[in-house]
Amino acid sequence: MKSEEIRLREIQAKAFHVMDDIHLNHTKRNEEDLKVAVDYLSRAVGMFSDPDKNVSLDYVEEKVDKAYQLIVKTKQKVKIVKVR
């Protein structure tokens, strides 16, 4: 089983990847996909601001994974290979 620290690092890396892809990639994107991905990320961050400190890593991981799948994985599927 992964330790909490390792899981948090992986979650953080995915969240950074999603945000970098949104901000640095200048390809046209579906506005609805962007809104949903930002919503997932904001819900994950909101979990950490719980005043009772009841943080569910499973919930945070799920939301960040959904944003990652929506933004990063979708982009990878759309790539077109040109054969000369």
Protein backbone atom coordinates (compact mmCIF):
# COMPACT_ATOMS: atom_id res chain seq x y z
CA MET A 1 0.00 0.00 0.00
CA LYS A 2 1.28 3.46 -0.86
CA SER A 3 2.02 5.85 1.93
CA GLU A 4 0.02 9.07 2.20
CA GLU A 5 3.06 11.14 1.27
CA ILE A 6 3.62 9.23 -1.97
CA ARG A 7 -0.07 9.46 -2.86
CA LEU A 8 -0.05 13.21 -2.20
CA ARG A 9 2.99 13.69 -4.43
CA GLU A 10 1.31 11.76 -7.25
CA ILE A 11 -1.90 13.76 -6.83
CA GLN A 12 0.08 17.01 -6.84
CA ALA A 13 2.00 15.98 -9.97
CA LYS A 14 -1.23 15.17 -11.82
CA ALA A 15 -2.83 18.44 -10.74
CA PHE A 16 0.23 20.39 -11.92
CA HIS A 17 0.15 18.50 -15.22
CA VAL A 18 -3.51 19.37 -15.74
CA MET A 19 -3.00 23.05 -14.95
CA ASP A 20 0.11 23.28 -17.12
CA ASP A 21 -1.73 21.62 -19.98
CA ILE A 22 -4.64 24.05 -19.63
CA HIS A 23 -2.46 27.17 -19.43
CA LEU A 24 0.49 26.33 -21.68
CA ASN A 25 -1.22 24.36 -24.43
CA HIS A 26 -2.68 26.79 -26.95
CA THR A 27 -4.83 24.27 -28.81
CA LYS A 28 -8.57 24.84 -29.01
CA ARG A 29 -10.46 23.02 -26.29
CA ASN A 30 -14.06 22.34 -25.51
CA GLU A 31 -15.08 25.03 -23.01
CA GLU A 32 -17.32 22.61 -21.14
CA ASP A 33 -14.41 20.17 -20.61
CA LEU A 34 -12.33 23.01 -19.17
CA LYS A 35 -15.11 24.05 -16.80
CA VAL A 36 -15.60 20.49 -15.59
CA ALA A 37 -11.86 19.92 -15.09
CA VAL A 38 -11.49 23.14 -13.08
CA ASP A 39 -14.54 22.13 -11.05
CA TYR A 40 -12.93 18.76 -10.23
CA LEU A 41 -9.70 20.46 -9.18
CA SER A 42 -11.51 23.03 -7.04
CA ARG A 43 -13.45 20.27 -5.28
CA ALA A 44 -10.18 18.48 -4.56
CA VAL A 45 -8.67 21.66 -3.12
CA GLY A 46 -11.85 22.31 -1.16
CA MET A 47 -11.41 18.99 0.60
CA PHE A 48 -8.11 20.24 2.04
CA SER A 49 -9.80 23.35 3.45
CA ASP A 50 -12.19 21.33 5.61
CA PRO A 51 -12.01 22.95 9.08
CA ASP A 52 -12.49 19.56 10.77
CA LYS A 53 -9.43 18.20 8.94
CA ASN A 54 -11.43 15.27 7.60
CA VAL A 55 -9.45 14.89 4.39
CA SER A 56 -10.29 11.94 2.19
CA LEU A 57 -7.32 11.18 -0.03
CA ASP A 58 -9.52 8.82 -2.02
CA TYR A 59 -11.90 11.69 -2.83
CA VAL A 60 -9.08 14.09 -3.71
CA GLU A 61 -7.36 11.44 -5.83
CA GLU A 62 -10.61 10.64 -7.64
CA LYS A 63 -11.31 14.29 -8.52
CA VAL A 64 -7.77 15.00 -9.71
CA ASP A 65 -7.76 11.76 -11.73
CA LYS A 66 -11.02 12.77 -13.42
CA ALA A 67 -9.58 16.17 -14.34
CA TYR A 68 -6.42 14.47 -15.61
CA GLN A 69 -8.41 12.04 -17.74
CA LEU A 70 -10.55 14.83 -19.14
CA ILE A 71 -7.73 17.21 -20.06
CA VAL A 72 -4.50 15.25 -20.53
CA LYS A 73 -5.66 11.80 -21.64
CA THR A 74 -8.25 13.19 -24.05
CA LYS A 75 -5.56 15.30 -25.71
CA GLN A 76 -3.32 12.26 -26.14
CA LYS A 77 -6.11 10.34 -27.89
CA VAL A 78 -6.72 13.15 -30.35
CA LYS A 79 -3.16 13.29 -31.65
CA ILE A 80 -2.97 12.54 -35.37
CA VAL A 81 0.04 10.84 -36.84
CA LYS A 82 0.98 12.02 -40.31
CA VAL A 83 2.65 9.43 -42.50
CA ARG A 84 4.79 10.61 -45.36
